[in-house]
Amino acid sequence: MKISLTKAGKRYNRDWIFRNFSYDFSAGQSYAITGPNGSGKSTLLQAIGGAIVLSEGEAIYQRITPTNVVTIEPDLAYRHLSIAAPYLELIEEMNVTEFLGFHQQFKPFIPSVTIPQILQIVGLEKAAQKQIRYYSSGMKQRVKLAQAIFSEVPVVLLDEPCTNLDAEGIALYQRMIAEYCGQRLMLVSSNDLTEYGFCSKQINIMDYKTGKA
C-alpha cells in the first residue's frame, strides 16, 4: 500500500490546520506525526487515512503488487486501513467477544489468530463475557488496539495509542507492534517517544502551518 499526498491542506473556517503537505507513505515504513498539543496531529492523521475531506490538494491511494498497481478511490480507502484513537467509541453494550466478532464481519482479522487468542494476547480473556461498559479505561484501550492491530489491512493508524495504559499495557503495545506490524505502513500521531519510538521517520506538523486564509 502506498499513500501520496500532494499540496494537501485542511482548514476550518479561516484557520489552516496544515497546508502544502506533500509526502509519500510507503508499505513497510513507520511514520510519526509530532507537534504540540492542539496543533492538528489528529486532523493530519485522519486526512492521510481519508477520514476527512481535504480543503485543497489531493490524496492518492494505491495497492501495489508484483504484477500491477491498483488505484483506490479516496472514499474507499477505509477498507484498507484500521485506526485506534481516543475519540473513537466502542459498542459498550457488547462484551468484547461479541464486539470483535461484529468487527470481523467488516474487516477480517489476520489469519494467524482467532478471537480467543487475541483476547489472551491483550490480557482480556478473563473479561471476555463482561460488557465493555464495565471495563476500565485501560482495558478499553486494549480493545481498541486489538481491533486495529489484528485487522488484516496494510495500513494501521494509531493516535496516542498508549492513552490510559499502565506500564504493563505500554509494554504490551510495543510487543504487538514488533510482532504484528513489521510489513505494514504504520502512522502514529503522538508526542510520547514510548508510542512512536519504533518509527523510522518523523513529521512535525508545525512545518506545515501557514496561519489564516
N, C-alpha and C. Protein backbone atom coordinates (compact mmCIF):
# COMPACT_ATOMS: atom_id res chain seq x y z
N MET A 1 0.85 -1.20 0.00
CA MET A 1 0.00 0.00 0.00
C MET A 1 0.88 1.25 0.00
N LYS A 2 0.51 2.22 -0.81
CA LYS A 2 1.19 3.50 -0.85
C LYS A 2 0.16 4.62 -0.78
N ILE A 3 0.46 5.61 0.04
CA ILE A 3 -0.41 6.78 0.15
C ILE A 3 0.43 8.01 -0.20
N SER A 4 -0.06 8.80 -1.14
CA SER A 4 0.66 10.00 -1.56
C SER A 4 -0.24 11.22 -1.42
N LEU A 5 0.22 12.22 -0.66
CA LEU A 5 -0.48 13.49 -0.55
C LEU A 5 0.33 14.56 -1.27
N THR A 6 -0.37 15.38 -2.06
CA THR A 6 0.29 16.42 -2.83
C THR A 6 -0.36 17.77 -2.54
N LYS A 7 0.43 18.72 -2.02
CA LYS A 7 -0.04 20.06 -1.68
C LYS A 7 -1.35 20.02 -0.92
N ALA A 8 -1.42 19.10 0.02
CA ALA A 8 -2.66 18.90 0.78
C ALA A 8 -2.79 19.93 1.88
N GLY A 9 -4.03 20.35 2.12
CA GLY A 9 -4.30 21.29 3.20
C GLY A 9 -5.68 21.06 3.76
N LYS A 10 -5.84 21.40 5.03
CA LYS A 10 -7.15 21.32 5.68
C LYS A 10 -7.34 22.56 6.54
N ARG A 11 -8.50 23.19 6.38
CA ARG A 11 -8.79 24.35 7.21
C ARG A 11 -10.21 24.25 7.75
N TYR A 12 -10.41 24.91 8.88
CA TYR A 12 -11.73 25.07 9.47
C TYR A 12 -11.99 26.57 9.56
N ASN A 13 -13.05 27.01 8.89
CA ASN A 13 -13.30 28.44 8.72
C ASN A 13 -12.09 29.08 8.05
N ARG A 14 -11.42 30.03 8.69
CA ARG A 14 -10.28 30.69 8.07
C ARG A 14 -8.93 30.17 8.58
N ASP A 15 -8.98 29.22 9.48
CA ASP A 15 -7.75 28.73 10.10
C ASP A 15 -7.27 27.45 9.43
N TRP A 16 -6.05 27.47 8.92
CA TRP A 16 -5.44 26.30 8.32
C TRP A 16 -4.83 25.43 9.41
N ILE A 17 -5.21 24.17 9.43
CA ILE A 17 -4.62 23.21 10.36
C ILE A 17 -3.25 22.78 9.83
N PHE A 18 -3.20 22.52 8.53
CA PHE A 18 -1.93 22.28 7.84
C PHE A 18 -2.14 22.67 6.38
N ARG A 19 -1.03 22.92 5.71
CA ARG A 19 -1.11 23.36 4.31
C ARG A 19 0.19 23.00 3.58
N ASN A 20 0.07 22.82 2.26
CA ASN A 20 1.24 22.49 1.42
C ASN A 20 1.95 21.23 1.92
N PHE A 21 1.14 20.25 2.28
CA PHE A 21 1.70 18.99 2.77
C PHE A 21 1.83 18.01 1.61
N SER A 22 3.05 17.69 1.25
CA SER A 22 3.32 16.71 0.19
C SER A 22 4.23 15.63 0.76
N TYR A 23 3.77 14.39 0.66
CA TYR A 23 4.53 13.30 1.27
C TYR A 23 4.08 11.97 0.68
N ASP A 24 5.02 11.04 0.53
CA ASP A 24 4.72 9.68 0.10
C ASP A 24 4.93 8.74 1.27
N PHE A 25 3.91 7.94 1.58
CA PHE A 25 3.98 6.95 2.65
C PHE A 25 4.00 5.57 2.01
N SER A 26 5.02 4.78 2.34
CA SER A 26 5.24 3.51 1.66
C SER A 26 5.07 2.32 2.60
N ALA A 27 4.68 1.19 2.05
CA ALA A 27 4.50 -0.04 2.81
C ALA A 27 5.79 -0.45 3.49
N GLY A 28 5.66 -0.99 4.70
CA GLY A 28 6.81 -1.45 5.44
C GLY A 28 7.55 -0.36 6.17
N GLN A 29 7.07 0.87 6.08
CA GLN A 29 7.70 2.01 6.75
C GLN A 29 6.81 2.50 7.89
N SER A 30 7.42 3.13 8.87
CA SER A 30 6.68 3.65 10.02
C SER A 30 6.96 5.14 10.17
N TYR A 31 5.90 5.91 10.38
CA TYR A 31 5.99 7.37 10.41
C TYR A 31 5.34 7.90 11.69
N ALA A 32 6.00 8.85 12.32
CA ALA A 32 5.44 9.52 13.49
C ALA A 32 5.05 10.95 13.11
N ILE A 33 3.84 11.35 13.49
CA ILE A 33 3.39 12.73 13.33
C ILE A 33 3.47 13.39 14.70
N THR A 34 4.34 14.39 14.82
CA THR A 34 4.56 15.03 16.12
C THR A 34 4.19 16.51 16.05
N GLY A 35 4.11 17.13 17.23
CA GLY A 35 3.77 18.55 17.32
C GLY A 35 3.10 18.83 18.65
N PRO A 36 2.97 20.10 19.04
CA PRO A 36 2.36 20.44 20.33
C PRO A 36 0.92 19.97 20.42
N ASN A 37 0.42 19.85 21.64
CA ASN A 37 -0.98 19.52 21.84
C ASN A 37 -1.87 20.56 21.17
N GLY A 38 -2.89 20.11 20.47
CA GLY A 38 -3.80 21.01 19.80
C GLY A 38 -3.30 21.55 18.48
N SER A 39 -2.19 21.04 18.00
CA SER A 39 -1.61 21.57 16.75
C SER A 39 -2.22 20.95 15.49
N GLY A 40 -3.00 19.87 15.64
CA GLY A 40 -3.66 19.27 14.49
C GLY A 40 -3.10 17.93 14.05
N LYS A 41 -2.36 17.27 14.94
CA LYS A 41 -1.80 15.96 14.59
C LYS A 41 -2.89 14.97 14.21
N SER A 42 -3.96 14.94 14.99
CA SER A 42 -5.05 14.01 14.72
C SER A 42 -5.74 14.33 13.40
N THR A 43 -5.88 15.62 13.11
CA THR A 43 -6.50 16.03 11.85
C THR A 43 -5.67 15.56 10.67
N LEU A 44 -4.36 15.73 10.76
CA LEU A 44 -3.49 15.27 9.68
C LEU A 44 -3.56 13.76 9.54
N LEU A 45 -3.55 13.04 10.65
CA LEU A 45 -3.64 11.58 10.60
C LEU A 45 -4.93 11.14 9.91
N GLN A 46 -6.05 11.77 10.26
CA GLN A 46 -7.33 11.41 9.65
C GLN A 46 -7.36 11.78 8.17
N ALA A 47 -6.72 12.88 7.82
CA ALA A 47 -6.67 13.28 6.41
C ALA A 47 -5.86 12.27 5.59
N ILE A 48 -4.76 11.81 6.15
CA ILE A 48 -3.96 10.80 5.45
C ILE A 48 -4.78 9.53 5.24
N GLY A 49 -5.58 9.18 6.23
CA GLY A 49 -6.40 7.98 6.13
C GLY A 49 -7.69 8.15 5.35
N GLY A 50 -7.96 9.36 4.86
CA GLY A 50 -9.16 9.60 4.07
C GLY A 50 -10.43 9.77 4.88
N ALA A 51 -10.30 9.92 6.20
CA ALA A 51 -11.47 10.06 7.06
C ALA A 51 -12.08 11.45 7.00
N ILE A 52 -11.29 12.45 6.61
CA ILE A 52 -11.81 13.80 6.43
C ILE A 52 -11.42 14.30 5.04
N VAL A 53 -12.23 15.18 4.50
CA VAL A 53 -12.01 15.70 3.15
C VAL A 53 -11.01 16.84 3.21
N LEU A 54 -10.05 16.80 2.31
CA LEU A 54 -9.06 17.86 2.22
C LEU A 54 -9.71 19.16 1.72
N SER A 55 -9.20 20.29 2.19
CA SER A 55 -9.65 21.58 1.69
C SER A 55 -8.94 21.95 0.39
N GLU A 56 -7.76 21.42 0.19
CA GLU A 56 -7.01 21.63 -1.05
C GLU A 56 -6.03 20.48 -1.23
N GLY A 57 -5.54 20.32 -2.45
CA GLY A 57 -4.60 19.26 -2.74
C GLY A 57 -5.32 17.93 -2.96
N GLU A 58 -4.53 16.86 -3.04
CA GLU A 58 -5.12 15.55 -3.28
C GLU A 58 -4.38 14.45 -2.53
N ALA A 59 -5.10 13.36 -2.33
CA ALA A 59 -4.52 12.15 -1.74
C ALA A 59 -4.76 11.00 -2.70
N ILE A 60 -3.73 10.22 -2.95
CA ILE A 60 -3.81 9.08 -3.85
C ILE A 60 -3.46 7.81 -3.07
N TYR A 61 -4.32 6.80 -3.21
CA TYR A 61 -4.14 5.53 -2.52
C TYR A 61 -3.92 4.43 -3.55
N GLN A 62 -2.87 3.65 -3.35
CA GLN A 62 -2.55 2.60 -4.32
C GLN A 62 -2.20 1.30 -3.62
N ARG A 63 -2.76 0.20 -4.13
CA ARG A 63 -2.34 -1.13 -3.72
C ARG A 63 -1.34 -1.61 -4.75
N ILE A 64 -0.14 -1.92 -4.30
CA ILE A 64 0.94 -2.29 -5.20
C ILE A 64 1.29 -3.76 -5.00
N THR A 65 1.26 -4.52 -6.09
CA THR A 65 1.63 -5.93 -6.08
C THR A 65 2.79 -6.12 -7.06
N PRO A 66 3.41 -7.29 -7.06
CA PRO A 66 4.50 -7.52 -8.01
C PRO A 66 4.09 -7.39 -9.47
N THR A 67 2.78 -7.52 -9.75
CA THR A 67 2.34 -7.51 -11.14
C THR A 67 1.58 -6.27 -11.57
N ASN A 68 1.01 -5.52 -10.61
CA ASN A 68 0.25 -4.34 -11.02
C ASN A 68 0.09 -3.33 -9.89
N VAL A 69 -0.43 -2.16 -10.25
CA VAL A 69 -0.74 -1.10 -9.30
C VAL A 69 -2.21 -0.75 -9.45
N VAL A 70 -2.94 -0.81 -8.35
CA VAL A 70 -4.38 -0.53 -8.37
C VAL A 70 -4.63 0.75 -7.58
N THR A 71 -5.25 1.73 -8.21
CA THR A 71 -5.59 2.98 -7.53
C THR A 71 -6.93 2.82 -6.83
N ILE A 72 -7.00 3.26 -5.59
CA ILE A 72 -8.20 3.13 -4.77
C ILE A 72 -8.85 4.49 -4.62
N GLU A 73 -10.15 4.55 -4.79
CA GLU A 73 -10.87 5.80 -4.60
C GLU A 73 -10.74 6.26 -3.14
N PRO A 74 -10.52 7.56 -2.91
CA PRO A 74 -10.33 8.04 -1.54
C PRO A 74 -11.46 7.66 -0.58
N ASP A 75 -12.70 7.64 -1.07
CA ASP A 75 -13.80 7.31 -0.16
C ASP A 75 -13.90 5.82 0.13
N LEU A 76 -13.02 5.02 -0.48
CA LEU A 76 -12.96 3.59 -0.19
C LEU A 76 -11.67 3.20 0.52
N ALA A 77 -10.86 4.19 0.85
CA ALA A 77 -9.58 3.91 1.50
C ALA A 77 -9.76 3.22 2.85
N TYR A 78 -10.88 3.50 3.51
CA TYR A 78 -11.11 2.93 4.84
C TYR A 78 -11.10 1.41 4.84
N ARG A 79 -11.39 0.80 3.69
CA ARG A 79 -11.39 -0.65 3.61
C ARG A 79 -10.00 -1.25 3.77
N HIS A 80 -8.99 -0.42 3.58
CA HIS A 80 -7.62 -0.91 3.55
C HIS A 80 -6.80 -0.46 4.75
N LEU A 81 -7.46 0.14 5.73
CA LEU A 81 -6.74 0.61 6.91
C LEU A 81 -7.57 0.41 8.16
N SER A 82 -6.89 0.47 9.29
CA SER A 82 -7.54 0.44 10.59
C SER A 82 -6.98 1.58 11.43
N ILE A 83 -7.72 1.94 12.47
CA ILE A 83 -7.29 3.07 13.31
C ILE A 83 -7.68 2.81 14.76
N ALA A 84 -6.80 3.22 15.66
CA ALA A 84 -7.11 3.25 17.09
C ALA A 84 -6.88 4.67 17.56
N ALA A 85 -7.88 5.25 18.23
CA ALA A 85 -7.79 6.64 18.67
C ALA A 85 -8.67 6.85 19.89
N PRO A 86 -8.29 7.78 20.78
CA PRO A 86 -9.08 8.02 21.99
C PRO A 86 -10.50 8.46 21.71
N TYR A 87 -10.73 9.14 20.59
CA TYR A 87 -12.04 9.69 20.30
C TYR A 87 -12.97 8.70 19.60
N LEU A 88 -12.50 7.52 19.28
CA LEU A 88 -13.36 6.51 18.66
C LEU A 88 -14.06 5.70 19.74
N GLU A 89 -15.35 5.49 19.56
CA GLU A 89 -16.15 4.82 20.57
C GLU A 89 -16.23 3.32 20.32
N LEU A 90 -16.38 2.57 21.40
CA LEU A 90 -16.65 1.14 21.33
C LEU A 90 -18.16 0.92 21.53
N ILE A 91 -18.64 -0.24 21.14
CA ILE A 91 -20.05 -0.58 21.39
C ILE A 91 -20.11 -1.19 22.78
N GLU A 92 -20.39 -0.37 23.77
CA GLU A 92 -20.21 -0.78 25.15
C GLU A 92 -21.29 -1.73 25.66
N GLU A 93 -22.39 -1.87 24.90
CA GLU A 93 -23.42 -2.83 25.31
C GLU A 93 -23.01 -4.27 24.98
N MET A 94 -22.00 -4.43 24.14
CA MET A 94 -21.50 -5.76 23.79
C MET A 94 -20.39 -6.16 24.76
N ASN A 95 -20.17 -7.48 24.88
CA ASN A 95 -18.94 -7.90 25.52
C ASN A 95 -17.85 -7.91 24.45
N VAL A 96 -16.60 -8.08 24.85
CA VAL A 96 -15.51 -7.93 23.90
C VAL A 96 -15.52 -9.03 22.84
N THR A 97 -15.96 -10.22 23.19
CA THR A 97 -16.05 -11.30 22.21
C THR A 97 -17.06 -10.94 21.12
N GLU A 98 -18.21 -10.43 21.54
CA GLU A 98 -19.22 -10.01 20.58
C GLU A 98 -18.73 -8.85 19.72
N PHE A 99 -18.05 -7.90 20.37
CA PHE A 99 -17.58 -6.72 19.65
C PHE A 99 -16.57 -7.09 18.58
N LEU A 100 -15.59 -7.90 18.92
CA LEU A 100 -14.58 -8.29 17.95
C LEU A 100 -15.19 -9.15 16.85
N GLY A 101 -16.17 -9.99 17.20
CA GLY A 101 -16.86 -10.78 16.20
C GLY A 101 -17.64 -9.91 15.23
N PHE A 102 -18.28 -8.87 15.76
CA PHE A 102 -19.02 -7.92 14.92
C PHE A 102 -18.06 -7.20 13.99
N HIS A 103 -16.94 -6.73 14.54
CA HIS A 103 -15.94 -6.04 13.72
C HIS A 103 -15.40 -6.95 12.62
N GLN A 104 -15.22 -8.20 12.94
CA GLN A 104 -14.64 -9.15 12.00
C GLN A 104 -15.52 -9.36 10.77
N GLN A 105 -16.80 -9.08 10.88
CA GLN A 105 -17.69 -9.20 9.72
C GLN A 105 -17.36 -8.17 8.65
N PHE A 106 -16.76 -7.07 9.04
CA PHE A 106 -16.44 -6.00 8.11
C PHE A 106 -14.96 -5.99 7.72
N LYS A 107 -14.10 -6.30 8.69
CA LYS A 107 -12.67 -6.38 8.44
C LYS A 107 -12.13 -7.63 9.12
N PRO A 108 -11.85 -8.66 8.35
CA PRO A 108 -11.34 -9.90 8.95
C PRO A 108 -10.03 -9.65 9.68
N PHE A 109 -9.79 -10.48 10.69
CA PHE A 109 -8.53 -10.41 11.41
C PHE A 109 -7.46 -11.21 10.66
N ILE A 110 -6.20 -10.93 10.98
CA ILE A 110 -5.13 -11.66 10.32
C ILE A 110 -5.32 -13.15 10.60
N PRO A 111 -5.06 -14.00 9.61
CA PRO A 111 -5.45 -15.41 9.72
C PRO A 111 -4.70 -16.20 10.78
N SER A 112 -3.61 -15.67 11.30
CA SER A 112 -2.82 -16.44 12.27
C SER A 112 -3.39 -16.41 13.68
N VAL A 113 -4.44 -15.60 13.93
CA VAL A 113 -5.00 -15.50 15.28
C VAL A 113 -6.52 -15.60 15.24
N THR A 114 -7.07 -16.20 16.29
CA THR A 114 -8.51 -16.25 16.49
C THR A 114 -8.89 -15.22 17.55
N ILE A 115 -10.17 -14.98 17.71
CA ILE A 115 -10.61 -14.03 18.73
C ILE A 115 -10.20 -14.47 20.13
N PRO A 116 -10.37 -15.75 20.50
CA PRO A 116 -9.87 -16.15 21.83
C PRO A 116 -8.37 -15.92 22.00
N GLN A 117 -7.60 -16.14 20.94
CA GLN A 117 -6.16 -15.89 21.01
C GLN A 117 -5.86 -14.40 21.16
N ILE A 118 -6.63 -13.57 20.45
CA ILE A 118 -6.45 -12.11 20.57
C ILE A 118 -6.69 -11.67 22.01
N LEU A 119 -7.77 -12.18 22.60
CA LEU A 119 -8.09 -11.80 23.98
C LEU A 119 -7.00 -12.24 24.94
N GLN A 120 -6.41 -13.40 24.68
CA GLN A 120 -5.31 -13.86 25.53
C GLN A 120 -4.08 -12.98 25.36
N ILE A 121 -3.80 -12.58 24.13
CA ILE A 121 -2.63 -11.74 23.87
C ILE A 121 -2.75 -10.40 24.59
N VAL A 122 -3.95 -9.81 24.55
CA VAL A 122 -4.12 -8.48 25.16
C VAL A 122 -4.55 -8.56 26.63
N GLY A 123 -4.61 -9.77 27.18
CA GLY A 123 -4.89 -9.93 28.59
C GLY A 123 -6.32 -9.69 29.00
N LEU A 124 -7.27 -9.98 28.11
CA LEU A 124 -8.67 -9.76 28.42
C LEU A 124 -9.49 -11.05 28.41
N GLU A 125 -8.81 -12.19 28.42
CA GLU A 125 -9.55 -13.45 28.32
C GLU A 125 -10.48 -13.68 29.52
N LYS A 126 -10.09 -13.21 30.70
CA LYS A 126 -10.94 -13.39 31.88
C LYS A 126 -12.14 -12.46 31.88
N ALA A 127 -12.11 -11.44 31.05
CA ALA A 127 -13.24 -10.49 30.96
C ALA A 127 -13.98 -10.65 29.64
N ALA A 128 -13.84 -11.80 28.99
CA ALA A 128 -14.39 -11.99 27.65
C ALA A 128 -15.90 -11.87 27.60
N GLN A 129 -16.59 -12.19 28.69
CA GLN A 129 -18.04 -12.15 28.69
C GLN A 129 -18.62 -10.94 29.43
N LYS A 130 -17.74 -10.05 29.84
CA LYS A 130 -18.19 -8.85 30.55
C LYS A 130 -18.48 -7.74 29.54
N GLN A 131 -19.58 -7.02 29.71
CA GLN A 131 -19.89 -5.91 28.82
C GLN A 131 -18.78 -4.86 28.89
N ILE A 132 -18.47 -4.29 27.74
CA ILE A 132 -17.37 -3.33 27.65
C ILE A 132 -17.63 -2.11 28.52
N ARG A 133 -18.88 -1.79 28.78
CA ARG A 133 -19.20 -0.62 29.61
C ARG A 133 -18.60 -0.73 31.01
N TYR A 134 -18.32 -1.95 31.45
CA TYR A 134 -17.78 -2.16 32.78
C TYR A 134 -16.25 -2.27 32.78
N TYR A 135 -15.64 -2.07 31.63
CA TYR A 135 -14.19 -2.11 31.54
C TYR A 135 -13.57 -0.82 32.07
N SER A 136 -12.36 -0.92 32.57
CA SER A 136 -11.61 0.28 32.91
C SER A 136 -11.16 0.97 31.63
N SER A 137 -10.69 2.20 31.75
CA SER A 137 -10.23 2.93 30.56
C SER A 137 -9.05 2.22 29.90
N GLY A 138 -8.18 1.62 30.70
CA GLY A 138 -7.05 0.89 30.14
C GLY A 138 -7.48 -0.36 29.38
N MET A 139 -8.47 -1.06 29.91
CA MET A 139 -9.00 -2.25 29.22
C MET A 139 -9.64 -1.87 27.90
N LYS A 140 -10.37 -0.76 27.89
CA LYS A 140 -10.99 -0.30 26.64
C LYS A 140 -9.93 0.04 25.61
N GLN A 141 -8.83 0.64 26.06
CA GLN A 141 -7.76 0.96 25.13
C GLN A 141 -7.14 -0.30 24.54
N ARG A 142 -7.05 -1.35 25.32
CA ARG A 142 -6.54 -2.63 24.81
C ARG A 142 -7.46 -3.18 23.72
N VAL A 143 -8.77 -3.01 23.91
CA VAL A 143 -9.72 -3.45 22.88
C VAL A 143 -9.51 -2.66 21.60
N LYS A 144 -9.34 -1.35 21.71
CA LYS A 144 -9.12 -0.51 20.53
C LYS A 144 -7.85 -0.91 19.79
N LEU A 145 -6.80 -1.17 20.53
CA LEU A 145 -5.55 -1.58 19.90
C LEU A 145 -5.69 -2.94 19.23
N ALA A 146 -6.39 -3.86 19.89
CA ALA A 146 -6.60 -5.18 19.30
C ALA A 146 -7.38 -5.07 18.00
N GLN A 147 -8.44 -4.27 18.00
CA GLN A 147 -9.25 -4.08 16.81
C GLN A 147 -8.41 -3.56 15.65
N ALA A 148 -7.51 -2.63 15.94
CA ALA A 148 -6.72 -2.02 14.87
C ALA A 148 -5.57 -2.91 14.42
N ILE A 149 -4.80 -3.42 15.37
CA ILE A 149 -3.57 -4.13 15.03
C ILE A 149 -3.85 -5.50 14.42
N PHE A 150 -4.90 -6.17 14.87
CA PHE A 150 -5.16 -7.51 14.36
C PHE A 150 -6.04 -7.54 13.12
N SER A 151 -6.53 -6.38 12.67
CA SER A 151 -7.28 -6.35 11.41
C SER A 151 -6.33 -6.64 10.25
N GLU A 152 -6.81 -7.40 9.29
CA GLU A 152 -5.97 -7.77 8.15
C GLU A 152 -6.01 -6.66 7.10
N VAL A 153 -5.27 -5.60 7.38
CA VAL A 153 -5.20 -4.44 6.50
C VAL A 153 -3.73 -4.03 6.35
N PRO A 154 -3.39 -3.37 5.24
CA PRO A 154 -1.99 -2.99 5.02
C PRO A 154 -1.56 -1.71 5.72
N VAL A 155 -2.53 -0.91 6.22
CA VAL A 155 -2.21 0.38 6.84
C VAL A 155 -2.84 0.44 8.23
N VAL A 156 -2.04 0.83 9.22
CA VAL A 156 -2.53 0.97 10.59
C VAL A 156 -2.23 2.38 11.07
N LEU A 157 -3.27 3.09 11.51
CA LEU A 157 -3.14 4.45 12.03
C LEU A 157 -3.37 4.41 13.54
N LEU A 158 -2.47 5.00 14.29
CA LEU A 158 -2.55 5.00 15.74
C LEU A 158 -2.44 6.42 16.27
N ASP A 159 -3.47 6.86 16.96
CA ASP A 159 -3.49 8.21 17.52
C ASP A 159 -3.37 8.11 19.04
N GLU A 160 -2.24 8.57 19.57
CA GLU A 160 -1.96 8.47 21.00
C GLU A 160 -2.32 7.08 21.53
N PRO A 161 -1.66 6.05 21.00
CA PRO A 161 -2.09 4.67 21.24
C PRO A 161 -1.94 4.17 22.67
N CYS A 162 -1.15 4.83 23.49
CA CYS A 162 -0.96 4.36 24.86
C CYS A 162 -1.81 5.14 25.86
N THR A 163 -2.79 5.89 25.37
CA THR A 163 -3.71 6.61 26.25
C THR A 163 -4.34 5.64 27.25
N ASN A 164 -4.26 5.98 28.53
CA ASN A 164 -4.87 5.21 29.63
C ASN A 164 -4.18 3.88 29.92
N LEU A 165 -3.06 3.59 29.26
CA LEU A 165 -2.35 2.34 29.54
C LEU A 165 -1.33 2.53 30.65
N ASP A 166 -1.21 1.50 31.51
CA ASP A 166 -0.16 1.50 32.52
C ASP A 166 1.11 0.92 31.91
N ALA A 167 2.14 0.75 32.74
CA ALA A 167 3.43 0.27 32.22
C ALA A 167 3.30 -1.08 31.55
N GLU A 168 2.49 -1.96 32.12
CA GLU A 168 2.29 -3.28 31.52
C GLU A 168 1.59 -3.16 30.17
N GLY A 169 0.61 -2.26 30.09
CA GLY A 169 -0.10 -2.05 28.83
C GLY A 169 0.80 -1.46 27.75
N ILE A 170 1.68 -0.55 28.14
CA ILE A 170 2.62 0.05 27.19
C ILE A 170 3.57 -1.01 26.65
N ALA A 171 4.05 -1.89 27.53
CA ALA A 171 4.93 -2.98 27.09
C ALA A 171 4.20 -3.91 26.14
N LEU A 172 2.91 -4.17 26.41
CA LEU A 172 2.10 -5.00 25.52
C LEU A 172 1.97 -4.34 24.15
N TYR A 173 1.68 -3.06 24.13
CA TYR A 173 1.58 -2.32 22.88
C TYR A 173 2.86 -2.45 22.06
N GLN A 174 3.99 -2.26 22.71
CA GLN A 174 5.27 -2.33 21.99
C GLN A 174 5.54 -3.73 21.46
N ARG A 175 5.14 -4.77 22.19
CA ARG A 175 5.30 -6.14 21.71
C ARG A 175 4.42 -6.40 20.49
N MET A 176 3.18 -5.91 20.52
CA MET A 176 2.27 -6.14 19.39
C MET A 176 2.78 -5.43 18.14
N ILE A 177 3.31 -4.24 18.31
CA ILE A 177 3.89 -3.54 17.17
C ILE A 177 5.02 -4.36 16.56
N ALA A 178 5.92 -4.85 17.42
CA ALA A 178 7.08 -5.60 16.94
C ALA A 178 6.69 -6.91 16.27
N GLU A 179 5.66 -7.57 16.79
CA GLU A 179 5.31 -8.91 16.31
C GLU A 179 4.35 -8.92 15.14
N TYR A 180 3.49 -7.90 15.01
CA TYR A 180 2.41 -7.98 14.03
C TYR A 180 2.38 -6.85 13.00
N CYS A 181 3.28 -5.90 13.10
CA CYS A 181 3.16 -4.72 12.23
C CYS A 181 4.37 -4.46 11.35
N GLY A 182 5.32 -5.37 11.31
CA GLY A 182 6.58 -5.10 10.64
C GLY A 182 6.47 -4.81 9.15
N GLN A 183 5.54 -5.46 8.45
CA GLN A 183 5.45 -5.29 7.00
C GLN A 183 4.40 -4.27 6.58
N ARG A 184 3.78 -3.63 7.52
CA ARG A 184 2.69 -2.71 7.21
C ARG A 184 3.19 -1.26 7.10
N LEU A 185 2.31 -0.43 6.57
CA LEU A 185 2.50 1.01 6.61
C LEU A 185 1.91 1.50 7.93
N MET A 186 2.75 2.06 8.81
CA MET A 186 2.34 2.46 10.14
C MET A 186 2.46 3.98 10.28
N LEU A 187 1.42 4.60 10.84
CA LEU A 187 1.46 6.03 11.15
C LEU A 187 1.00 6.23 12.58
N VAL A 188 1.79 6.97 13.35
CA VAL A 188 1.49 7.21 14.76
C VAL A 188 1.48 8.70 15.02
N SER A 189 0.38 9.19 15.58
CA SER A 189 0.28 10.59 15.99
C SER A 189 0.53 10.65 17.49
N SER A 190 1.62 11.31 17.88
CA SER A 190 1.98 11.28 19.30
C SER A 190 3.11 12.26 19.60
N ASN A 191 3.21 12.62 20.89
CA ASN A 191 4.36 13.36 21.40
C ASN A 191 5.17 12.51 22.38
N ASP A 192 4.79 11.25 22.52
CA ASP A 192 5.40 10.38 23.52
C ASP A 192 6.29 9.36 22.82
N LEU A 193 7.57 9.39 23.13
CA LEU A 193 8.53 8.50 22.47
C LEU A 193 8.20 7.04 22.71
N THR A 194 7.57 6.71 23.83
CA THR A 194 7.22 5.31 24.08
C THR A 194 6.17 4.82 23.07
N GLU A 195 5.43 5.75 22.47
CA GLU A 195 4.41 5.38 21.49
C GLU A 195 4.97 5.31 20.08
N TYR A 196 5.94 6.17 19.75
CA TYR A 196 6.42 6.22 18.37
C TYR A 196 7.90 5.92 18.22
N GLY A 197 8.53 5.41 19.27
CA GLY A 197 9.95 5.16 19.22
C GLY A 197 10.39 4.21 18.13
N PHE A 198 9.49 3.33 17.69
CA PHE A 198 9.83 2.39 16.63
C PHE A 198 9.79 3.02 15.23
N CYS A 199 9.24 4.22 15.12
CA CYS A 199 9.07 4.84 13.81
C CYS A 199 10.42 5.29 13.25
N SER A 200 10.62 5.04 11.97
CA SER A 200 11.89 5.39 11.32
C SER A 200 11.88 6.81 10.77
N LYS A 201 10.68 7.40 10.61
CA LYS A 201 10.57 8.75 10.05
C LYS A 201 9.65 9.60 10.93
N GLN A 202 9.97 10.90 11.04
CA GLN A 202 9.16 11.81 11.82
C GLN A 202 8.71 12.99 10.98
N ILE A 203 7.47 13.41 11.19
CA ILE A 203 6.88 14.55 10.51
C ILE A 203 6.38 15.51 11.58
N ASN A 204 6.90 16.71 11.62
CA ASN A 204 6.45 17.72 12.58
C ASN A 204 5.40 18.60 11.89
N ILE A 205 4.17 18.53 12.40
CA ILE A 205 3.09 19.26 11.75
C ILE A 205 3.34 20.77 11.74
N MET A 206 4.18 21.26 12.65
CA MET A 206 4.44 22.70 12.69
C MET A 206 5.20 23.17 11.45
N ASP A 207 5.77 22.25 10.70
CA ASP A 207 6.42 22.61 9.44
C ASP A 207 5.42 22.89 8.32
N TYR A 208 4.13 22.66 8.60
CA TYR A 208 3.10 22.82 7.57
C TYR A 208 2.00 23.75 8.03
N LYS A 209 2.37 24.77 8.79
CA LYS A 209 1.43 25.78 9.25
C LYS A 209 1.61 27.08 8.47
N THR A 210 0.47 27.70 8.10
CA THR A 210 0.58 28.97 7.38
C THR A 210 -0.37 30.03 7.91
N GLY A 211 -1.04 29.76 9.04
CA GLY A 211 -1.93 30.79 9.59
C GLY A 211 -3.29 30.82 8.93
N LYS A 212 -3.81 32.03 8.71
CA LYS A 212 -5.16 32.19 8.20
C LYS A 212 -5.17 32.31 6.68
N ALA A 213 -6.36 32.00 6.09
CA ALA A 213 -6.52 32.10 4.63
C ALA A 213 -6.67 33.57 4.22
